[in-house]
Amino acid sequence: MTRTDRMSELLAVTERLVACIEREVELLRAMRPQDLAALQREKTALADAYEGHLRALRATAAEAADADDPALRDRLLRATERFRGALTENARTLKAVEAANDRVLRAIVDAVEQRRGRPAAYTATGASPRAAGPAAAATPVSMALDRRL
């Protein structure tokens, strides 16, 4: 395989990886984490391919780098810059989504903590808390939180 072929393959993988990362950012912004699983498998496969192609290209760096097609090299450089920008935006979006999820979880925990000091609207038997006595007001609230994104 020639160096030009390696560069062309790396360019193709880079462009697909950028598109995948941009799609992930769209899904995160749309708060659709359920759609990320399939995308994660594709992103992992593309990232592995990117790394392999980059390693192979670097191994041929001494082999006539001056003979590279300047237009192809320029396209690859632009794709790499776009890839770096997509990674930066992806990291920023992930942090924003994580922060939003943390705020929601804190609000839920705060609401539960505040609720613990108040009597429940009804007991498990359907009686009013006043009729059930002080023990009804201290009934714990059961809840589960899923921190997956």
N, C-alpha and C. Protein backbone atom coordinates (compact mmCIF):
# COMPACT_ATOMS: atom_id res chain seq x y z
N MET A 1 0.85 -1.18 0.00
CA MET A 1 0.00 0.00 0.00
C MET A 1 0.89 1.24 0.00
N THR A 2 0.55 2.18 -0.83
CA THR A 2 1.36 3.39 -0.93
C THR A 2 1.01 4.37 0.18
N ARG A 3 1.88 5.32 0.37
CA ARG A 3 1.64 6.35 1.38
C ARG A 3 0.39 7.16 1.02
N THR A 4 0.18 7.41 -0.24
CA THR A 4 -1.01 8.14 -0.68
C THR A 4 -2.27 7.35 -0.35
N ASP A 5 -2.22 6.04 -0.55
CA ASP A 5 -3.37 5.19 -0.19
C ASP A 5 -3.64 5.26 1.32
N ARG A 6 -2.58 5.23 2.10
CA ARG A 6 -2.74 5.31 3.56
C ARG A 6 -3.36 6.66 3.96
N MET A 7 -2.90 7.72 3.31
CA MET A 7 -3.45 9.04 3.61
C MET A 7 -4.93 9.12 3.22
N SER A 8 -5.27 8.54 2.08
CA SER A 8 -6.67 8.53 1.63
C SER A 8 -7.55 7.77 2.60
N GLU A 9 -7.07 6.63 3.07
CA GLU A 9 -7.85 5.84 4.03
C GLU A 9 -7.99 6.58 5.36
N LEU A 10 -6.91 7.19 5.81
CA LEU A 10 -6.98 7.96 7.06
C LEU A 10 -7.96 9.12 6.91
N LEU A 11 -7.96 9.78 5.79
CA LEU A 11 -8.90 10.87 5.54
C LEU A 11 -10.34 10.36 5.62
N ALA A 12 -10.62 9.23 4.98
CA ALA A 12 -11.98 8.68 4.99
C ALA A 12 -12.42 8.32 6.41
N VAL A 13 -11.54 7.69 7.17
CA VAL A 13 -11.88 7.32 8.55
C VAL A 13 -12.06 8.56 9.40
N THR A 14 -11.21 9.55 9.22
CA THR A 14 -11.32 10.79 9.98
C THR A 14 -12.66 11.48 9.73
N GLU A 15 -13.04 11.56 8.47
CA GLU A 15 -14.32 12.20 8.13
C GLU A 15 -15.50 11.45 8.73
N ARG A 16 -15.46 10.11 8.70
CA ARG A 16 -16.55 9.33 9.32
C ARG A 16 -16.57 9.50 10.83
N LEU A 17 -15.39 9.56 11.44
CA LEU A 17 -15.30 9.74 12.88
C LEU A 17 -15.83 11.11 13.29
N VAL A 18 -15.50 12.14 12.54
CA VAL A 18 -16.02 13.48 12.82
C VAL A 18 -17.54 13.48 12.74
N ALA A 19 -18.10 12.87 11.71
CA ALA A 19 -19.55 12.81 11.55
C ALA A 19 -20.19 12.07 12.72
N CYS A 20 -19.56 11.01 13.17
CA CYS A 20 -20.07 10.24 14.30
C CYS A 20 -20.06 11.09 15.58
N ILE A 21 -18.98 11.79 15.82
CA ILE A 21 -18.87 12.63 17.02
C ILE A 21 -19.88 13.78 16.96
N GLU A 22 -20.05 14.37 15.79
CA GLU A 22 -21.03 15.45 15.64
C GLU A 22 -22.44 14.92 15.89
N ARG A 23 -22.73 13.71 15.45
CA ARG A 23 -24.05 13.09 15.71
C ARG A 23 -24.23 12.86 17.21
N GLU A 24 -23.17 12.43 17.89
CA GLU A 24 -23.24 12.22 19.33
C GLU A 24 -23.57 13.54 20.05
N VAL A 25 -22.94 14.61 19.63
CA VAL A 25 -23.21 15.92 20.23
C VAL A 25 -24.68 16.29 20.02
N GLU A 26 -25.20 16.05 18.83
CA GLU A 26 -26.62 16.34 18.56
C GLU A 26 -27.52 15.55 19.50
N LEU A 27 -27.23 14.26 19.67
CA LEU A 27 -28.06 13.42 20.55
C LEU A 27 -27.96 13.87 22.00
N LEU A 28 -26.77 14.26 22.43
CA LEU A 28 -26.61 14.74 23.81
C LEU A 28 -27.40 16.03 24.02
N ARG A 29 -27.31 16.94 23.07
CA ARG A 29 -28.04 18.20 23.19
C ARG A 29 -29.55 17.99 23.15
N ALA A 30 -29.99 16.96 22.43
CA ALA A 30 -31.41 16.65 22.35
C ALA A 30 -31.86 15.81 23.55
N MET A 31 -30.92 15.52 24.47
CA MET A 31 -31.21 14.71 25.66
C MET A 31 -31.81 13.36 25.26
N ARG A 32 -31.12 12.68 24.33
CA ARG A 32 -31.56 11.37 23.86
C ARG A 32 -30.47 10.34 24.11
N PRO A 33 -30.11 10.12 25.37
CA PRO A 33 -29.01 9.19 25.67
C PRO A 33 -29.34 7.75 25.27
N GLN A 34 -30.61 7.42 25.16
CA GLN A 34 -30.99 6.07 24.77
C GLN A 34 -30.52 5.74 23.35
N ASP A 35 -30.27 6.75 22.53
CA ASP A 35 -29.84 6.53 21.16
C ASP A 35 -28.32 6.48 21.01
N LEU A 36 -27.61 6.62 22.11
CA LEU A 36 -26.15 6.69 22.05
C LEU A 36 -25.46 5.32 21.98
N ALA A 37 -26.12 4.26 22.42
CA ALA A 37 -25.46 2.96 22.52
C ALA A 37 -24.92 2.48 21.17
N ALA A 38 -25.74 2.49 20.15
CA ALA A 38 -25.29 2.04 18.83
C ALA A 38 -24.19 2.96 18.30
N LEU A 39 -24.33 4.23 18.55
CA LEU A 39 -23.35 5.20 18.09
C LEU A 39 -22.00 4.98 18.79
N GLN A 40 -22.03 4.58 20.05
CA GLN A 40 -20.80 4.34 20.79
C GLN A 40 -20.00 3.19 20.18
N ARG A 41 -20.70 2.14 19.75
CA ARG A 41 -20.01 1.01 19.12
C ARG A 41 -19.33 1.47 17.83
N GLU A 42 -20.04 2.26 17.04
CA GLU A 42 -19.47 2.77 15.79
C GLU A 42 -18.29 3.69 16.07
N LYS A 43 -18.44 4.56 17.06
CA LYS A 43 -17.37 5.50 17.40
C LYS A 43 -16.12 4.77 17.86
N THR A 44 -16.30 3.73 18.65
CA THR A 44 -15.16 2.94 19.13
C THR A 44 -14.45 2.26 17.96
N ALA A 45 -15.21 1.68 17.06
CA ALA A 45 -14.61 1.01 15.89
C ALA A 45 -13.86 2.03 15.02
N LEU A 46 -14.47 3.18 14.81
CA LEU A 46 -13.81 4.22 14.00
C LEU A 46 -12.56 4.76 14.69
N ALA A 47 -12.61 4.94 16.00
CA ALA A 47 -11.44 5.43 16.73
C ALA A 47 -10.30 4.42 16.64
N ASP A 48 -10.63 3.13 16.74
CA ASP A 48 -9.59 2.10 16.60
C ASP A 48 -9.00 2.12 15.18
N ALA A 49 -9.86 2.26 14.17
CA ALA A 49 -9.38 2.31 12.79
C ALA A 49 -8.52 3.56 12.57
N TYR A 50 -8.95 4.68 13.14
CA TYR A 50 -8.19 5.93 13.03
C TYR A 50 -6.79 5.74 13.60
N GLU A 51 -6.73 5.16 14.78
CA GLU A 51 -5.43 4.94 15.43
C GLU A 51 -4.54 4.03 14.59
N GLY A 52 -5.12 2.96 14.05
CA GLY A 52 -4.35 2.04 13.21
C GLY A 52 -3.84 2.69 11.95
N HIS A 53 -4.69 3.45 11.26
CA HIS A 53 -4.27 4.14 10.03
C HIS A 53 -3.22 5.21 10.33
N LEU A 54 -3.39 5.92 11.43
CA LEU A 54 -2.43 6.95 11.80
C LEU A 54 -1.07 6.32 12.11
N ARG A 55 -1.09 5.20 12.83
CA ARG A 55 0.16 4.50 13.16
C ARG A 55 0.85 4.04 11.87
N ALA A 56 0.08 3.48 10.94
CA ALA A 56 0.66 3.00 9.68
C ALA A 56 1.24 4.16 8.86
N LEU A 57 0.54 5.29 8.86
CA LEU A 57 1.02 6.45 8.12
C LEU A 57 2.30 7.01 8.74
N ARG A 58 2.35 7.04 10.06
CA ARG A 58 3.56 7.53 10.73
C ARG A 58 4.75 6.62 10.47
N ALA A 59 4.48 5.33 10.32
CA ALA A 59 5.56 4.37 10.06
C ALA A 59 6.20 4.62 8.71
N THR A 60 5.46 5.26 7.81
CA THR A 60 6.01 5.54 6.48
C THR A 60 6.44 7.00 6.34
N ALA A 61 6.54 7.70 7.45
CA ALA A 61 6.84 9.14 7.41
C ALA A 61 8.16 9.44 6.70
N ALA A 62 9.12 8.58 6.86
CA ALA A 62 10.42 8.82 6.25
C ALA A 62 10.44 8.46 4.77
N GLU A 63 9.44 7.71 4.34
CA GLU A 63 9.39 7.24 2.95
C GLU A 63 8.83 8.31 2.03
N ALA A 64 9.58 9.18 1.60
CA ALA A 64 9.16 10.14 0.58
C ALA A 64 7.97 10.98 0.99
N ALA A 65 8.03 11.55 2.20
CA ALA A 65 6.96 12.45 2.63
C ALA A 65 6.85 13.64 1.70
N ASP A 66 7.97 13.96 1.05
CA ASP A 66 7.95 15.08 0.11
C ASP A 66 7.20 14.73 -1.17
N ALA A 67 6.94 13.43 -1.40
CA ALA A 67 6.22 13.00 -2.59
C ALA A 67 4.71 12.95 -2.35
N ASP A 68 4.27 13.30 -1.14
CA ASP A 68 2.83 13.30 -0.84
C ASP A 68 2.09 14.23 -1.78
N ASP A 69 0.87 13.86 -2.07
CA ASP A 69 -0.01 14.72 -2.88
C ASP A 69 -0.39 15.92 -2.02
N PRO A 70 0.03 17.12 -2.42
CA PRO A 70 -0.23 18.32 -1.59
C PRO A 70 -1.72 18.55 -1.34
N ALA A 71 -2.56 18.30 -2.32
CA ALA A 71 -4.00 18.51 -2.15
C ALA A 71 -4.56 17.52 -1.12
N LEU A 72 -4.11 16.26 -1.20
CA LEU A 72 -4.57 15.25 -0.24
C LEU A 72 -4.06 15.58 1.15
N ARG A 73 -2.81 16.00 1.25
CA ARG A 73 -2.25 16.37 2.55
C ARG A 73 -3.05 17.53 3.15
N ASP A 74 -3.42 18.50 2.32
CA ASP A 74 -4.19 19.66 2.79
C ASP A 74 -5.58 19.22 3.27
N ARG A 75 -6.21 18.34 2.52
CA ARG A 75 -7.53 17.82 2.94
C ARG A 75 -7.43 17.07 4.26
N LEU A 76 -6.36 16.30 4.41
CA LEU A 76 -6.16 15.55 5.65
C LEU A 76 -5.91 16.49 6.82
N LEU A 77 -5.15 17.54 6.60
CA LEU A 77 -4.92 18.53 7.67
C LEU A 77 -6.22 19.22 8.08
N ARG A 78 -7.03 19.59 7.10
CA ARG A 78 -8.33 20.22 7.41
C ARG A 78 -9.24 19.26 8.16
N ALA A 79 -9.24 17.99 7.75
CA ALA A 79 -10.07 16.99 8.43
C ALA A 79 -9.58 16.78 9.86
N THR A 80 -8.28 16.81 10.06
CA THR A 80 -7.73 16.65 11.40
C THR A 80 -8.10 17.83 12.28
N GLU A 81 -8.06 19.03 11.73
CA GLU A 81 -8.48 20.22 12.49
C GLU A 81 -9.96 20.12 12.85
N ARG A 82 -10.76 19.67 11.92
CA ARG A 82 -12.20 19.50 12.18
C ARG A 82 -12.42 18.43 13.26
N PHE A 83 -11.62 17.37 13.21
CA PHE A 83 -11.69 16.30 14.20
C PHE A 83 -11.37 16.85 15.60
N ARG A 84 -10.34 17.64 15.70
CA ARG A 84 -9.98 18.24 17.00
C ARG A 84 -11.09 19.15 17.50
N GLY A 85 -11.67 19.93 16.61
CA GLY A 85 -12.79 20.79 16.99
C GLY A 85 -14.00 19.99 17.45
N ALA A 86 -14.28 18.89 16.76
CA ALA A 86 -15.40 18.04 17.14
C ALA A 86 -15.16 17.42 18.52
N LEU A 87 -13.92 17.01 18.77
CA LEU A 87 -13.59 16.45 20.09
C LEU A 87 -13.77 17.48 21.19
N THR A 88 -13.35 18.70 20.93
CA THR A 88 -13.50 19.77 21.91
C THR A 88 -14.98 20.03 22.19
N GLU A 89 -15.77 20.12 21.14
CA GLU A 89 -17.21 20.36 21.31
C GLU A 89 -17.88 19.19 22.01
N ASN A 90 -17.45 17.97 21.70
CA ASN A 90 -17.99 16.78 22.35
C ASN A 90 -17.71 16.82 23.85
N ALA A 91 -16.48 17.15 24.22
CA ALA A 91 -16.11 17.22 25.64
C ALA A 91 -16.92 18.30 26.35
N ARG A 92 -17.08 19.44 25.71
CA ARG A 92 -17.86 20.54 26.29
C ARG A 92 -19.32 20.12 26.50
N THR A 93 -19.88 19.45 25.51
CA THR A 93 -21.28 19.00 25.61
C THR A 93 -21.44 17.95 26.70
N LEU A 94 -20.50 17.01 26.76
CA LEU A 94 -20.57 15.98 27.81
C LEU A 94 -20.53 16.61 29.20
N LYS A 95 -19.66 17.60 29.39
CA LYS A 95 -19.59 18.28 30.69
C LYS A 95 -20.89 19.01 31.00
N ALA A 96 -21.48 19.64 30.00
CA ALA A 96 -22.74 20.37 30.22
C ALA A 96 -23.87 19.41 30.58
N VAL A 97 -23.94 18.28 29.89
CA VAL A 97 -24.98 17.30 30.18
C VAL A 97 -24.77 16.71 31.57
N GLU A 98 -23.53 16.42 31.91
CA GLU A 98 -23.23 15.88 33.24
C GLU A 98 -23.62 16.89 34.32
N ALA A 99 -23.31 18.15 34.11
CA ALA A 99 -23.66 19.19 35.09
C ALA A 99 -25.18 19.31 35.22
N ALA A 100 -25.88 19.26 34.10
CA ALA A 100 -27.35 19.33 34.15
C ALA A 100 -27.93 18.14 34.89
N ASN A 101 -27.41 16.95 34.63
CA ASN A 101 -27.88 15.76 35.34
C ASN A 101 -27.60 15.86 36.83
N ASP A 102 -26.44 16.37 37.18
CA ASP A 102 -26.11 16.53 38.60
C ASP A 102 -27.07 17.51 39.28
N ARG A 103 -27.41 18.61 38.58
CA ARG A 103 -28.37 19.58 39.17
C ARG A 103 -29.73 18.94 39.38
N VAL A 104 -30.16 18.14 38.42
CA VAL A 104 -31.47 17.46 38.56
C VAL A 104 -31.42 16.49 39.73
N LEU A 105 -30.35 15.71 39.82
CA LEU A 105 -30.23 14.75 40.93
C LEU A 105 -30.20 15.46 42.28
N ARG A 106 -29.46 16.57 42.35
CA ARG A 106 -29.41 17.33 43.61
C ARG A 106 -30.79 17.87 43.97
N ALA A 107 -31.52 18.34 42.98
CA ALA A 107 -32.87 18.85 43.23
C ALA A 107 -33.77 17.74 43.75
N ILE A 108 -33.64 16.55 43.18
CA ILE A 108 -34.45 15.41 43.64
C ILE A 108 -34.08 15.05 45.07
N VAL A 109 -32.79 14.96 45.34
CA VAL A 109 -32.35 14.62 46.69
C VAL A 109 -32.80 15.68 47.69
N ASP A 110 -32.69 16.95 47.33
CA ASP A 110 -33.13 18.03 48.22
C ASP A 110 -34.63 17.93 48.48
N ALA A 111 -35.39 17.63 47.44
CA ALA A 111 -36.85 17.50 47.60
C ALA A 111 -37.19 16.34 48.52
N VAL A 112 -36.47 15.24 48.37
CA VAL A 112 -36.72 14.08 49.23
C VAL A 112 -36.35 14.41 50.67
N GLU A 113 -35.22 15.09 50.85
CA GLU A 113 -34.81 15.47 52.20
C GLU A 113 -35.83 16.40 52.85
N GLN A 114 -36.34 17.36 52.11
CA GLN A 114 -37.35 18.26 52.64
C GLN A 114 -38.63 17.50 52.95
N ARG A 115 -38.95 16.56 52.12
CA ARG A 115 -40.18 15.78 52.28
C ARG A 115 -40.15 14.91 53.54
N ARG A 116 -38.98 14.48 53.92
CA ARG A 116 -38.86 13.59 55.09
C ARG A 116 -39.40 14.24 56.35
N GLY A 117 -39.27 15.55 56.46
CA GLY A 117 -39.74 16.25 57.64
C GLY A 117 -41.24 16.52 57.62
N ARG A 118 -41.90 16.26 56.51
CA ARG A 118 -43.34 16.53 56.40
C ARG A 118 -44.12 15.23 56.45
N PRO A 119 -45.32 15.30 56.94
CA PRO A 119 -46.14 14.08 56.93
C PRO A 119 -46.54 13.73 55.50
N ALA A 120 -46.66 12.44 55.26
CA ALA A 120 -47.11 11.97 53.95
C ALA A 120 -48.59 12.31 53.77
N ALA A 121 -49.02 12.42 52.54
CA ALA A 121 -50.43 12.72 52.28
C ALA A 121 -51.32 11.60 52.81
N TYR A 122 -50.88 10.36 52.63
CA TYR A 122 -51.61 9.20 53.14
C TYR A 122 -50.62 8.12 53.52
N THR A 123 -50.99 7.26 54.44
CA THR A 123 -50.14 6.14 54.83
C THR A 123 -50.35 4.99 53.86
N ALA A 124 -49.59 3.93 54.05
CA ALA A 124 -49.71 2.76 53.18
C ALA A 124 -51.09 2.12 53.27
N THR A 125 -51.76 2.31 54.41
CA THR A 125 -53.10 1.74 54.57
C THR A 125 -54.19 2.67 54.08
N GLY A 126 -53.80 3.88 53.69
CA GLY A 126 -54.78 4.84 53.19
C GLY A 126 -55.28 5.81 54.23
N ALA A 127 -54.79 5.66 55.47
CA ALA A 127 -55.22 6.56 56.53
C ALA A 127 -54.46 7.88 56.43
N SER A 128 -55.03 8.91 57.00
CA SER A 128 -54.34 10.20 57.03
C SER A 128 -53.21 10.11 58.03
N PRO A 129 -52.10 10.81 57.80
CA PRO A 129 -50.97 10.73 58.73
C PRO A 129 -51.32 11.18 60.14
N ARG A 130 -52.24 12.11 60.25
CA ARG A 130 -52.63 12.57 61.59
C ARG A 130 -53.30 11.44 62.36
N ALA A 131 -54.08 10.64 61.63
CA ALA A 131 -54.76 9.53 62.29
C ALA A 131 -53.80 8.41 62.64
N ALA A 132 -52.73 8.31 61.87
CA ALA A 132 -51.79 7.21 62.09
C ALA A 132 -50.77 7.54 63.17
N GLY A 133 -50.65 8.79 63.57
CA GLY A 133 -49.72 9.15 64.63
C GLY A 133 -48.39 9.62 64.08
N PRO A 134 -47.45 9.94 64.97
CA PRO A 134 -46.17 10.52 64.56
C PRO A 134 -45.31 9.57 63.73
N ALA A 135 -45.51 8.27 63.85
CA ALA A 135 -44.67 7.34 63.09
C ALA A 135 -44.91 7.49 61.59
N ALA A 136 -46.10 7.86 61.19
CA ALA A 136 -46.41 7.99 59.77
C ALA A 136 -45.61 9.13 59.13
N ALA A 137 -45.34 10.17 59.89
CA ALA A 137 -44.60 11.32 59.35
C ALA A 137 -43.15 10.96 59.09
N ALA A 138 -42.63 9.96 59.77
CA ALA A 138 -41.23 9.58 59.63
C ALA A 138 -41.02 8.45 58.64
N THR A 139 -42.06 8.06 57.90
CA THR A 139 -41.94 6.97 56.95
C THR A 139 -40.94 7.34 55.86
N PRO A 140 -39.94 6.48 55.64
CA PRO A 140 -38.94 6.81 54.63
C PRO A 140 -39.52 6.76 53.20
N VAL A 141 -38.93 7.53 52.35
CA VAL A 141 -39.34 7.56 50.96
C VAL A 141 -38.34 6.71 50.17
N SER A 142 -38.83 5.77 49.39
CA SER A 142 -37.98 4.92 48.60
C SER A 142 -37.81 5.50 47.21
N MET A 143 -36.57 5.53 46.73
CA MET A 143 -36.34 6.02 45.38
C MET A 143 -35.05 5.44 44.84
N ALA A 144 -34.95 5.37 43.52
CA ALA A 144 -33.74 4.90 42.87
C ALA A 144 -33.33 5.93 41.82
N LEU A 145 -32.02 6.15 41.71
CA LEU A 145 -31.51 7.12 40.75
C LEU A 145 -30.59 6.39 39.78
N ASP A 146 -30.75 6.69 38.51
CA ASP A 146 -29.90 6.10 37.47
C ASP A 146 -28.97 7.17 36.97
N ARG A 147 -27.66 7.04 37.21
CA ARG A 147 -26.70 8.09 36.85
C ARG A 147 -26.11 7.85 35.47
N ARG A 148 -26.59 6.83 34.74
CA ARG A 148 -26.06 6.59 33.41
C ARG A 148 -26.47 7.72 32.48
N LEU A 149 -25.62 7.99 31.53
CA LEU A 149 -25.91 9.02 30.52
C LEU A 149 -26.31 8.35 29.26
